[in-house]
Amino acid sequence: MRHAAKVIITTAVTGSVNVPSQSPYLPLTTAQVVEAAVEAVEAGSAIVHLHARHPDGRPAWEPEVFAEIVPAIEERTDAVINISTGGSSAMTMDQRLAAATQFRPELASLNMGSMNFVYSGIASRVTDWRHDWEKPYVLNTYSQPFINTFDRIEHTLRTLGANGTRFEYECYDIGHLYTLAHFMDRGLVEAPLLIQGVFGILGGIGADHENLTHMVRIADKLFGDDYAFSAFAAGRDQMQFGTHSAWLGGHVRVGLEDSLWIGKGRLAESNAQQVTKIRAVLDDLGKQIATPADARVMLALRGRE
């Protein structure tokens, strides 16, 4: 792993997993997503990981929705914008790629394997639903897998890579590292890699700190010094895993996509609140915080077009 001289903070401001009934602070409208992103950057985030939603909170894939978000963030910040190609498991692959294809971001996420990606448990914790779509949406993940076949991965690499987009390789299990190595061996993936270890999703690797250490160990075996590592855990383990990743020499990711909480029993009131908290932890560890310009150099990004 390339040990980070400066730590990149990525903020995933809304995602497609959590639903409006879980928190009144989850950004939903395009204006809310923009404000959340700007505030996160002002708090110290170098990268903004973007999903979009319709005003009622339903995950959105339409480029016209992203068109109300991406330029507005670019006008007000110099952040690296990372457009998700994960979308949601309910979307087609064409839908998942639509925004990144149109906006040609310098960075896009890429999920490295098909998996059970289950968050149906939300239904047992919510008693007052704000919208009719929410409960069926989360329950459906119990029976519908998240499809990321090799042909879809290759298609994404070729389609977006042709535009100069580089990738945040999201690895939810150890096997996903070997999938990434396969595409690197074929010349479809080039160093330096940004590997995002994802922990605590039901169907993926658990949020055990031994798993984080193991994932880095296997990545070191496969990629040596050709990769930068970042990690997050869903839910209550978010800050602990960010701290662990930074302690190992890696980067961190926070945001309301990954956790709605700022402490035990306390909902985070903004993405910036989480950025501020992890930044204080990094300061205590003696770590410097990467600017967007630093992140572009470390990850070999082309910069904005």
C-alpha atoms as a PDB file:
ATOM      1  CA  MET A   1       0.000   0.000   0.000  1.00  0.00           C
ATOM      2  CA  ARG A   2       1.135   3.526  -0.719  1.00  0.00           C
ATOM      3  CA  HIS A   3       1.222   5.054   2.734  1.00  0.00           C
ATOM      4  CA  ALA A   4      -0.510   8.386   2.656  1.00  0.00           C
ATOM      5  CA  ALA A   5       1.604  11.421   3.453  1.00  0.00           C
ATOM      6  CA  LYS A   6      -1.724  13.233   3.554  1.00  0.00           C
ATOM      7  CA  VAL A   7      -5.085  11.583   4.225  1.00  0.00           C
ATOM      8  CA  ILE A   8      -7.863  11.943   1.661  1.00  0.00           C
ATOM      9  CA  ILE A   9     -11.311  12.350   3.190  1.00  0.00           C
ATOM     10  CA  THR A  10     -14.103  11.176   0.897  1.00  0.00           C
ATOM     11  CA  THR A  11     -17.684  12.103   1.759  1.00  0.00           C
ATOM     12  CA  ALA A  12     -20.596  10.040   0.421  1.00  0.00           C
ATOM     13  CA  VAL A  13     -23.367  12.546   0.973  1.00  0.00           C
ATOM     14  CA  THR A  14     -26.594  10.623   0.316  1.00  0.00           C
ATOM     15  CA  GLY A  15     -26.247   7.183  -1.332  1.00  0.00           C
ATOM     16  CA  SER A  16     -29.147   4.932  -2.241  1.00  0.00           C
ATOM     17  CA  VAL A  17     -29.442   2.667   0.809  1.00  0.00           C
ATOM     18  CA  ASN A  18     -30.817   4.797   3.616  1.00  0.00           C
ATOM     19  CA  VAL A  19     -34.361   6.080   3.196  1.00  0.00           C
ATOM     20  CA  PRO A  20     -35.987   9.360   4.287  1.00  0.00           C
ATOM     21  CA  SER A  21     -37.937   7.753   7.121  1.00  0.00           C
ATOM     22  CA  GLN A  22     -34.701   6.935   8.934  1.00  0.00           C
ATOM     23  CA  SER A  23     -33.468  10.492   9.347  1.00  0.00           C
ATOM     24  CA  PRO A  24     -34.738  14.016   8.693  1.00  0.00           C
ATOM     25  CA  TYR A  25     -31.146  15.050   7.887  1.00  0.00           C
ATOM     26  CA  LEU A  26     -30.604  12.818   4.841  1.00  0.00           C
ATOM     27  CA  PRO A  27     -30.145  15.059   1.756  1.00  0.00           C
ATOM     28  CA  LEU A  28     -32.876  14.366  -0.772  1.00  0.00           C
ATOM     29  CA  THR A  29     -33.440  17.259  -3.161  1.00  0.00           C
ATOM     30  CA  THR A  30     -30.747  18.318  -5.575  1.00  0.00           C
ATOM     31  CA  ALA A  31     -30.316  21.581  -3.655  1.00  0.00           C
ATOM     32  CA  GLN A  32     -29.822  19.648  -0.418  1.00  0.00           C
ATOM     33  CA  VAL A  33     -27.252  17.341  -2.007  1.00  0.00           C
ATOM     34  CA  VAL A  34     -25.331  20.337  -3.353  1.00  0.00           C
ATOM     35  CA  GLU A  35     -25.324  22.096   0.026  1.00  0.00           C
ATOM     36  CA  ALA A  36     -24.268  18.887   1.784  1.00  0.00           C
ATOM     37  CA  ALA A  37     -21.377  18.451  -0.631  1.00  0.00           C
ATOM     38  CA  VAL A  38     -20.202  22.061  -0.342  1.00  0.00           C
ATOM     39  CA  GLU A  39     -20.337  21.953   3.456  1.00  0.00           C
ATOM     40  CA  ALA A  40     -18.378  18.681   3.500  1.00  0.00           C
ATOM     41  CA  VAL A  41     -15.654  20.164   1.311  1.00  0.00           C
ATOM     42  CA  GLU A  42     -15.476  23.265   3.481  1.00  0.00           C
ATOM     43  CA  ALA A  43     -15.036  20.945   6.495  1.00  0.00           C
ATOM     44  CA  GLY A  44     -12.085  19.172   4.855  1.00  0.00           C
ATOM     45  CA  SER A  45     -13.323  16.607   2.358  1.00  0.00           C
ATOM     46  CA  ALA A  46     -11.279  16.355  -0.847  1.00  0.00           C
ATOM     47  CA  ILE A  47     -13.594  13.950  -2.708  1.00  0.00           C
ATOM     48  CA  VAL A  48     -17.387  13.964  -2.946  1.00  0.00           C
ATOM     49  CA  HIS A  49     -18.934  10.586  -3.787  1.00  0.00           C
ATOM     50  CA  LEU A  50     -22.206  11.333  -5.562  1.00  0.00           C
ATOM     51  CA  HIS A  51     -25.543   9.613  -5.861  1.00  0.00           C
ATOM     52  CA  ALA A  52     -28.714  11.490  -6.714  1.00  0.00           C
ATOM     53  CA  ARG A  53     -32.305  11.281  -5.546  1.00  0.00           C
ATOM     54  CA  HIS A  54     -35.738  12.461  -6.528  1.00  0.00           C
ATOM     55  CA  PRO A  55     -37.430  14.892  -4.115  1.00  0.00           C
ATOM     56  CA  ASP A  56     -39.256  12.030  -2.354  1.00  0.00           C
ATOM     57  CA  GLY A  57     -35.933  10.296  -1.756  1.00  0.00           C
ATOM     58  CA  ARG A  58     -36.118   7.616  -4.452  1.00  0.00           C
ATOM     59  CA  PRO A  59     -32.699   6.913  -5.963  1.00  0.00           C
ATOM     60  CA  ALA A  60     -32.281   8.755  -9.263  1.00  0.00           C
ATOM     61  CA  TRP A  61     -30.132   7.832 -12.251  1.00  0.00           C
ATOM     62  CA  GLU A  62     -31.325  10.400 -14.780  1.00  0.00           C
ATOM     63  CA  PRO A  63     -28.557  12.704 -16.086  1.00  0.00           C
ATOM     64  CA  GLU A  64     -30.910  15.668 -15.858  1.00  0.00           C
ATOM     65  CA  VAL A  65     -31.055  15.182 -12.084  1.00  0.00           C
ATOM     66  CA  PHE A  66     -27.254  15.048 -11.855  1.00  0.00           C
ATOM     67  CA  ALA A  67     -27.182  18.162 -14.052  1.00  0.00           C
ATOM     68  CA  GLU A  68     -28.674  20.082 -11.133  1.00  0.00           C
ATOM     69  CA  ILE A  69     -25.935  18.804  -8.825  1.00  0.00           C
ATOM     70  CA  VAL A  70     -22.579  18.388 -10.555  1.00  0.00           C
ATOM     71  CA  PRO A  71     -22.118  21.878 -12.091  1.00  0.00           C
ATOM     72  CA  ALA A  72     -23.324  23.542  -8.899  1.00  0.00           C
ATOM     73  CA  ILE A  73     -20.708  21.733  -6.801  1.00  0.00           C
ATOM     74  CA  GLU A  74     -18.008  22.498  -9.366  1.00  0.00           C
ATOM     75  CA  GLU A  75     -18.896  26.189  -9.304  1.00  0.00           C
ATOM     76  CA  ARG A  76     -18.526  26.417  -5.534  1.00  0.00           C
ATOM     77  CA  THR A  77     -15.661  24.009  -4.756  1.00  0.00           C
ATOM     78  CA  ASP A  78     -12.536  22.501  -6.274  1.00  0.00           C
ATOM     79  CA  ALA A  79     -13.442  19.044  -4.940  1.00  0.00           C
ATOM     80  CA  VAL A  80     -12.891  15.843  -6.866  1.00  0.00           C
ATOM     81  CA  ILE A  81     -16.346  14.650  -7.910  1.00  0.00           C
ATOM     82  CA  ASN A  82     -16.745  10.882  -7.876  1.00  0.00           C
ATOM     83  CA  ILE A  83     -19.967   9.785  -9.585  1.00  0.00           C
ATOM     84  CA  SER A  84     -21.297   6.423  -8.444  1.00  0.00           C
ATOM     85  CA  THR A  85     -21.856   3.698 -11.022  1.00  0.00           C
ATOM     86  CA  GLY A  86     -23.384   1.541  -8.290  1.00  0.00           C
ATOM     87  CA  GLY A  87     -26.671   3.413  -8.285  1.00  0.00           C
ATOM     88  CA  SER A  88     -28.933   0.828  -6.719  1.00  0.00           C
ATOM     89  CA  SER A  89     -29.614  -2.853  -7.333  1.00  0.00           C
ATOM     90  CA  ALA A  90     -33.001  -1.870  -8.775  1.00  0.00           C
ATOM     91  CA  MET A  91     -31.369  -0.013 -11.693  1.00  0.00           C
ATOM     92  CA  THR A  92     -30.241  -1.403 -15.035  1.00  0.00           C
ATOM     93  CA  MET A  93     -26.575  -1.120 -15.976  1.00  0.00           C
ATOM     94  CA  ASP A  94     -27.341   1.531 -18.590  1.00  0.00           C
ATOM     95  CA  GLN A  95     -29.092   3.564 -15.921  1.00  0.00           C
ATOM     96  CA  ARG A  96     -26.196   3.137 -13.491  1.00  0.00           C
ATOM     97  CA  LEU A  97     -23.713   4.427 -16.089  1.00  0.00           C
ATOM     98  CA  ALA A  98     -25.843   7.220 -17.529  1.00  0.00           C
ATOM     99  CA  ALA A  99     -24.613  10.110 -15.375  1.00  0.00           C
ATOM    100  CA  ALA A 100     -20.941   9.145 -15.437  1.00  0.00           C
ATOM    101  CA  THR A 101     -21.084   8.679 -19.205  1.00  0.00           C
ATOM    102  CA  GLN A 102     -22.527  12.152 -19.702  1.00  0.00           C
ATOM    103  CA  PHE A 103     -20.465  14.097 -17.164  1.00  0.00           C
ATOM    104  CA  ARG A 104     -17.143  12.289 -17.709  1.00  0.00           C
ATOM    105  CA  PRO A 105     -15.948  12.693 -14.095  1.00  0.00           C
ATOM    106  CA  GLU A 106     -12.291  12.374 -13.195  1.00  0.00           C
ATOM    107  CA  LEU A 107     -13.290   9.627 -10.733  1.00  0.00           C
ATOM    108  CA  ALA A 108     -16.144   7.100 -10.622  1.00  0.00           C
ATOM    109  CA  SER A 109     -16.928   4.221  -8.291  1.00  0.00           C
ATOM    110  CA  LEU A 110     -16.847   0.655  -9.600  1.00  0.00           C
ATOM    111  CA  ASN A 111     -18.201  -2.311  -7.656  1.00  0.00           C
ATOM    112  CA  MET A 112     -15.942  -5.326  -8.089  1.00  0.00           C
ATOM    113  CA  GLY A 113     -18.375  -8.213  -7.833  1.00  0.00           C
ATOM    114  CA  SER A 114     -21.934  -9.475  -7.737  1.00  0.00           C
ATOM    115  CA  MET A 115     -23.215 -10.035  -4.227  1.00  0.00           C
ATOM    116  CA  ASN A 116     -26.117 -10.148  -1.855  1.00  0.00           C
ATOM    117  CA  PHE A 117     -26.385  -6.518  -0.736  1.00  0.00           C
ATOM    118  CA  VAL A 118     -29.066  -6.688   1.916  1.00  0.00           C
ATOM    119  CA  TYR A 119     -30.549  -3.817   3.890  1.00  0.00           C
ATOM    120  CA  SER A 120     -34.031  -5.185   4.410  1.00  0.00           C
ATOM    121  CA  GLY A 121     -33.428  -4.927   8.154  1.00  0.00           C
ATOM    122  CA  ILE A 122     -34.254  -1.229   7.895  1.00  0.00           C
ATOM    123  CA  ALA A 123     -37.907  -2.273   7.685  1.00  0.00           C
ATOM    124  CA  SER A 124     -37.811  -3.686  11.220  1.00  0.00           C
ATOM    125  CA  ARG A 125     -36.441  -0.422  12.639  1.00  0.00           C
ATOM    126  CA  VAL A 126     -38.820   2.056  11.004  1.00  0.00           C
ATOM    127  CA  THR A 127     -42.344   2.422  12.343  1.00  0.00           C
ATOM    128  CA  ASP A 128     -43.437   5.622  10.626  1.00  0.00           C
ATOM    129  CA  TRP A 129     -42.902   5.553   6.862  1.00  0.00           C
ATOM    130  CA  ARG A 130     -42.870   8.888   5.044  1.00  0.00           C
ATOM    131  CA  HIS A 131     -43.328   7.453   1.533  1.00  0.00           C
ATOM    132  CA  ASP A 132     -45.020   4.392   0.069  1.00  0.00           C
ATOM    133  CA  TRP A 133     -41.959   3.358  -1.962  1.00  0.00           C
ATOM    134  CA  GLU A 134     -39.576   2.984   0.989  1.00  0.00           C
ATOM    135  CA  LYS A 135     -40.621  -0.248   2.690  1.00  0.00           C
ATOM    136  CA  PRO A 136     -40.958  -2.375  -0.501  1.00  0.00           C
ATOM    137  CA  TYR A 137     -37.652  -0.934  -1.700  1.00  0.00           C
ATOM    138  CA  VAL A 138     -35.632  -2.058   1.315  1.00  0.00           C
ATOM    139  CA  LEU A 139     -37.449  -5.403   1.656  1.00  0.00           C
ATOM    140  CA  ASN A 140     -36.707  -6.234  -1.977  1.00  0.00           C
ATOM    141  CA  THR A 141     -32.973  -6.408  -1.242  1.00  0.00           C
ATOM    142  CA  TYR A 142     -33.566  -9.671   0.642  1.00  0.00           C
ATOM    143  CA  SER A 143     -34.418 -11.413  -2.637  1.00  0.00           C
ATOM    144  CA  GLN A 144     -32.700  -9.320  -5.310  1.00  0.00           C
ATOM    145  CA  PRO A 145     -28.886  -9.529  -5.633  1.00  0.00           C
ATOM    146  CA  PHE A 146     -26.633  -6.690  -6.686  1.00  0.00           C
ATOM    147  CA  ILE A 147     -25.326  -7.736 -10.111  1.00  0.00           C
ATOM    148  CA  ASN A 148     -21.784  -6.795 -11.117  1.00  0.00           C
ATOM    149  CA  THR A 149     -20.668  -9.498 -13.546  1.00  0.00           C
ATOM    150  CA  PHE A 150     -17.272  -9.530 -15.243  1.00  0.00           C
ATOM    151  CA  ASP A 151     -18.740  -8.347 -18.535  1.00  0.00           C
ATOM    152  CA  ARG A 152     -20.373  -5.381 -16.779  1.00  0.00           C
ATOM    153  CA  ILE A 153     -17.156  -4.504 -14.997  1.00  0.00           C
ATOM    154  CA  GLU A 154     -15.232  -4.673 -18.271  1.00  0.00           C
ATOM    155  CA  HIS A 155     -17.857  -2.590 -20.046  1.00  0.00           C
ATOM    156  CA  THR A 156     -17.595   0.084 -17.348  1.00  0.00           C
ATOM    157  CA  LEU A 157     -13.794   0.111 -17.459  1.00  0.00           C
ATOM    158  CA  ARG A 158     -13.753   0.478 -21.223  1.00  0.00           C
ATOM    159  CA  THR A 159     -16.641   2.947 -21.538  1.00  0.00           C
ATOM    160  CA  LEU A 160     -15.666   5.390 -18.804  1.00  0.00           C
ATOM    161  CA  GLY A 161     -11.938   4.744 -19.092  1.00  0.00           C
ATOM    162  CA  ALA A 162     -12.048   5.979 -22.678  1.00  0.00           C
ATOM    163  CA  ASN A 163     -13.088   9.364 -21.268  1.00  0.00           C
ATOM    164  CA  GLY A 164     -10.093   9.530 -18.935  1.00  0.00           C
ATOM    165  CA  THR A 165     -12.128   8.598 -15.862  1.00  0.00           C
ATOM    166  CA  ARG A 166     -10.270   6.687 -13.152  1.00  0.00           C
ATOM    167  CA  PHE A 167     -11.959   4.502 -10.571  1.00  0.00           C
ATOM    168  CA  GLU A 168     -12.618   4.008  -6.905  1.00  0.00           C
ATOM    169  CA  TYR A 169     -12.648   0.195  -6.802  1.00  0.00           C
ATOM    170  CA  GLU A 170     -15.223  -0.803  -4.191  1.00  0.00           C
ATOM    171  CA  CYS A 171     -14.320  -4.174  -2.667  1.00  0.00           C
ATOM    172  CA  TYR A 172     -16.880  -5.755  -0.364  1.00  0.00           C
ATOM    173  CA  ASP A 173     -14.969  -8.977   0.120  1.00  0.00           C
ATOM    174  CA  ILE A 174     -11.527 -10.504  -0.376  1.00  0.00           C
ATOM    175  CA  GLY A 175     -12.548 -12.132  -3.657  1.00  0.00           C
ATOM    176  CA  HIS A 176     -13.166  -8.685  -5.102  1.00  0.00           C
ATOM    177  CA  LEU A 177      -9.448  -7.963  -4.756  1.00  0.00           C
ATOM    178  CA  TYR A 178      -8.687 -10.986  -6.921  1.00  0.00           C
ATOM    179  CA  THR A 179     -11.219  -9.781  -9.480  1.00  0.00           C
ATOM    180  CA  LEU A 180      -9.432  -6.445  -9.566  1.00  0.00           C
ATOM    181  CA  ALA A 181      -6.095  -8.237 -10.011  1.00  0.00           C
ATOM    182  CA  HIS A 182      -7.588 -10.157 -12.954  1.00  0.00           C
ATOM    183  CA  PHE A 183      -8.480  -6.954 -14.771  1.00  0.00           C
ATOM    184  CA  MET A 184      -5.107  -5.446 -13.926  1.00  0.00           C
ATOM    185  CA  ASP A 185      -3.362  -8.497 -15.411  1.00  0.00           C
ATOM    186  CA  ARG A 186      -5.373  -7.969 -18.598  1.00  0.00           C
ATOM    187  CA  GLY A 187      -4.254  -4.350 -18.840  1.00  0.00           C
ATOM    188  CA  LEU A 188      -7.716  -2.887 -18.278  1.00  0.00           C
ATOM    189  CA  VAL A 189      -6.751  -1.413 -14.901  1.00  0.00           C
ATOM    190  CA  GLU A 190      -3.723   0.787 -14.327  1.00  0.00           C
ATOM    191  CA  ALA A 191      -1.879   1.842 -11.189  1.00  0.00           C
ATOM    192  CA  PRO A 192      -2.151   3.713  -8.958  1.00  0.00           C
ATOM    193  CA  LEU A 193      -5.340   2.020  -7.810  1.00  0.00           C
ATOM    194  CA  LEU A 194      -7.761   3.464  -5.272  1.00  0.00           C
ATOM    195  CA  ILE A 195      -9.200   0.501  -3.388  1.00  0.00           C
ATOM    196  CA  GLN A 196     -12.173   1.274  -1.182  1.00  0.00           C
ATOM    197  CA  GLY A 197     -12.675  -1.476   1.368  1.00  0.00           C
ATOM    198  CA  VAL A 198     -16.338  -1.739   2.340  1.00  0.00           C
ATOM    199  CA  PHE A 199     -17.236  -3.491   5.583  1.00  0.00           C
ATOM    200  CA  GLY A 200     -20.425  -4.279   7.452  1.00  0.00           C
ATOM    201  CA  ILE A 201     -22.841  -4.749   4.534  1.00  0.00           C
ATOM    202  CA  LEU A 202     -24.995  -7.846   5.018  1.00  0.00           C
ATOM    203  CA  GLY A 203     -23.789 -10.143   2.237  1.00  0.00           C
ATOM    204  CA  GLY A 204     -20.246  -8.766   2.263  1.00  0.00           C
ATOM    205  CA  ILE A 205     -17.292  -8.919   4.617  1.00  0.00           C
ATOM    206  CA  GLY A 206     -18.129  -8.154   8.237  1.00  0.00           C
ATOM    207  CA  ALA A 207     -17.118  -5.085  10.198  1.00  0.00           C
ATOM    208  CA  ASP A 208     -14.399  -6.869  12.156  1.00  0.00           C
ATOM    209  CA  HIS A 209     -11.069  -5.113  12.459  1.00  0.00           C
ATOM    210  CA  GLU A 210      -9.283  -8.379  11.672  1.00  0.00           C
ATOM    211  CA  ASN A 211     -10.989  -8.248   8.272  1.00  0.00           C
ATOM    212  CA  LEU A 212      -9.633  -4.779   7.589  1.00  0.00           C
ATOM    213  CA  THR A 213      -6.102  -5.887   8.416  1.00  0.00           C
ATOM    214  CA  HIS A 214      -6.576  -9.021   6.286  1.00  0.00           C
ATOM    215  CA  MET A 215      -7.875  -7.060   3.304  1.00  0.00           C
ATOM    216  CA  VAL A 216      -4.817  -4.802   3.379  1.00  0.00           C
ATOM    217  CA  ARG A 217      -2.535  -7.827   3.718  1.00  0.00           C
ATOM    218  CA  ILE A 218      -4.037  -9.516   0.641  1.00  0.00           C
ATOM    219  CA  ALA A 219      -4.032  -6.260  -1.321  1.00  0.00           C
ATOM    220  CA  ASP A 220      -0.341  -5.845  -0.470  1.00  0.00           C
ATOM    221  CA  LYS A 221       0.280  -9.370  -1.786  1.00  0.00           C
ATOM    222  CA  LEU A 222      -1.576  -8.669  -5.033  1.00  0.00           C
ATOM    223  CA  PHE A 223      -0.671  -5.052  -5.748  1.00  0.00           C
ATOM    224  CA  GLY A 224       2.394  -4.185  -3.672  1.00  0.00           C
ATOM    225  CA  ASP A 225       2.895  -0.425  -3.697  1.00  0.00           C
ATOM    226  CA  ASP A 226       0.579   0.111  -6.664  1.00  0.00           C
ATOM    227  CA  TYR A 227      -2.490   1.066  -4.667  1.00  0.00           C
ATOM    228  CA  ALA A 228      -3.886   3.548  -2.183  1.00  0.00           C
ATOM    229  CA  PHE A 229      -6.328   2.160   0.347  1.00  0.00           C
ATOM    230  CA  SER A 230      -9.402   3.667   1.937  1.00  0.00           C
ATOM    231  CA  ALA A 231     -11.966   2.021   4.167  1.00  0.00           C
ATOM    232  CA  PHE A 232     -15.346   2.545   5.719  1.00  0.00           C
ATOM    233  CA  ALA A 233     -17.835   0.473   7.646  1.00  0.00           C
ATOM    234  CA  ALA A 234     -21.570   0.903   7.436  1.00  0.00           C
ATOM    235  CA  GLY A 235     -23.456   2.164  10.449  1.00  0.00           C
ATOM    236  CA  ARG A 236     -22.088   2.411  13.959  1.00  0.00           C
ATOM    237  CA  ASP A 237     -18.572   1.261  13.042  1.00  0.00           C
ATOM    238  CA  GLN A 238     -17.981   4.125  10.610  1.00  0.00           C
ATOM    239  CA  MET A 239     -15.578   6.209  12.710  1.00  0.00           C
ATOM    240  CA  GLN A 240     -13.673   3.239  14.115  1.00  0.00           C
ATOM    241  CA  PHE A 241     -12.911   1.905  10.652  1.00  0.00           C
ATOM    242  CA  GLY A 242     -11.903   5.311   9.371  1.00  0.00           C
ATOM    243  CA  THR A 243      -9.516   5.623  12.301  1.00  0.00           C
ATOM    244  CA  HIS A 244      -8.120   2.132  11.670  1.00  0.00           C
ATOM    245  CA  SER A 245      -7.598   2.816   7.961  1.00  0.00           C
ATOM    246  CA  ALA A 246      -5.735   6.040   8.684  1.00  0.00           C
ATOM    247  CA  TRP A 247      -3.632   4.339  11.360  1.00  0.00           C
ATOM    248  CA  LEU A 248      -2.567   1.742   8.762  1.00  0.00           C
ATOM    249  CA  GLY A 249      -1.520   4.514   6.391  1.00  0.00           C
ATOM    250  CA  GLY A 250      -4.689   4.699   4.323  1.00  0.00           C
ATOM    251  CA  HIS A 251      -7.489   7.130   3.594  1.00  0.00           C
ATOM    252  CA  VAL A 252     -10.997   7.509   5.019  1.00  0.00           C
ATOM    253  CA  ARG A 253     -14.600   7.812   3.899  1.00  0.00           C
ATOM    254  CA  VAL A 254     -17.538   9.200   5.849  1.00  0.00           C
ATOM    255  CA  GLY A 255     -20.993  10.479   4.940  1.00  0.00           C
ATOM    256  CA  LEU A 256     -24.694   9.861   5.444  1.00  0.00           C
ATOM    257  CA  GLU A 257     -24.666   7.234   2.698  1.00  0.00           C
ATOM    258  CA  ASP A 258     -22.669   4.994   5.009  1.00  0.00           C
ATOM    259  CA  SER A 259     -23.925   5.981   8.451  1.00  0.00           C
ATOM    260  CA  LEU A 260     -26.709   8.221   9.725  1.00  0.00           C
ATOM    261  CA  TRP A 261     -25.031   8.565  13.113  1.00  0.00           C
ATOM    262  CA  ILE A 262     -22.506  10.824  14.811  1.00  0.00           C
ATOM    263  CA  GLY A 263     -22.455   8.928  18.104  1.00  0.00           C
ATOM    264  CA  LYS A 264     -24.364   6.287  20.028  1.00  0.00           C
ATOM    265  CA  GLY A 265     -28.073   7.073  19.688  1.00  0.00           C
ATOM    266  CA  ARG A 266     -27.332  10.448  18.055  1.00  0.00           C
ATOM    267  CA  LEU A 267     -28.256  11.146  14.444  1.00  0.00           C
ATOM    268  CA  ALA A 268     -25.728  13.164  12.473  1.00  0.00           C
ATOM    269  CA  GLU A 269     -27.266  16.472  11.501  1.00  0.00           C
ATOM    270  CA  SER A 270     -25.059  16.867   8.435  1.00  0.00           C
ATOM    271  CA  ASN A 271     -22.314  15.262   6.418  1.00  0.00           C
ATOM    272  CA  ALA A 272     -20.001  18.081   7.491  1.00  0.00           C
ATOM    273  CA  GLN A 273     -20.476  17.043  11.116  1.00  0.00           C
ATOM    274  CA  GLN A 274     -19.015  13.629  10.295  1.00  0.00           C
ATOM    275  CA  VAL A 275     -16.160  15.183   8.316  1.00  0.00           C
ATOM    276  CA  THR A 276     -15.351  17.445  11.254  1.00  0.00           C
ATOM    277  CA  LYS A 277     -15.318  14.485  13.625  1.00  0.00           C
ATOM    278  CA  ILE A 278     -13.007  12.300  11.534  1.00  0.00           C
ATOM    279  CA  ARG A 279     -10.775  15.286  10.847  1.00  0.00           C
ATOM    280  CA  ALA A 280     -10.333  15.782  14.578  1.00  0.00           C
ATOM    281  CA  VAL A 281      -9.361  12.106  14.872  1.00  0.00           C
ATOM    282  CA  LEU A 282      -6.827  12.502  12.068  1.00  0.00           C
ATOM    283  CA  ASP A 283      -5.415  15.584  13.750  1.00  0.00           C
ATOM    284  CA  ASP A 284      -4.998  13.576  16.958  1.00  0.00           C
ATOM    285  CA  LEU A 285      -3.128  10.900  14.963  1.00  0.00           C
ATOM    286  CA  GLY A 286      -0.792  13.567  13.622  1.00  0.00           C
ATOM    287  CA  LYS A 287      -2.074  13.145  10.062  1.00  0.00           C
ATOM    288  CA  GLN A 288      -2.186  15.920   7.483  1.00  0.00           C
ATOM    289  CA  ILE A 289      -5.394  16.385   5.486  1.00  0.00           C
ATOM    290  CA  ALA A 290      -5.232  16.181   1.696  1.00  0.00           C
ATOM    291  CA  THR A 291      -6.641  18.988  -0.390  1.00  0.00           C
ATOM    292  CA  PRO A 292      -8.433  18.219  -3.649  1.00  0.00           C
ATOM    293  CA  ALA A 293      -5.202  19.172  -5.459  1.00  0.00           C
ATOM    294  CA  ASP A 294      -3.262  16.715  -3.297  1.00  0.00           C
ATOM    295  CA  ALA A 295      -5.804  13.973  -4.034  1.00  0.00           C
ATOM    296  CA  ARG A 296      -5.487  14.543  -7.784  1.00  0.00           C
ATOM    297  CA  VAL A 297      -1.732  14.074  -7.619  1.00  0.00           C
ATOM    298  CA  MET A 298      -1.866  11.008  -5.357  1.00  0.00           C
ATOM    299  CA  LEU A 299      -4.520   9.261  -7.454  1.00  0.00           C
ATOM    300  CA  ALA A 300      -3.135  10.377 -10.847  1.00  0.00           C
ATOM    301  CA  LEU A 301      -6.416  12.044 -11.791  1.00  0.00           C
ATOM    302  CA  ARG A 302      -6.601  14.114 -14.951  1.00  0.00           C
ATOM    303  CA  GLY A 303      -8.298  17.095 -13.280  1.00  0.00           C
ATOM    304  CA  ARG A 304     -11.516  18.672 -14.401  1.00  0.00           C
ATOM    305  CA  GLU A 305     -12.205  18.983 -18.083  1.00  0.00           C
END
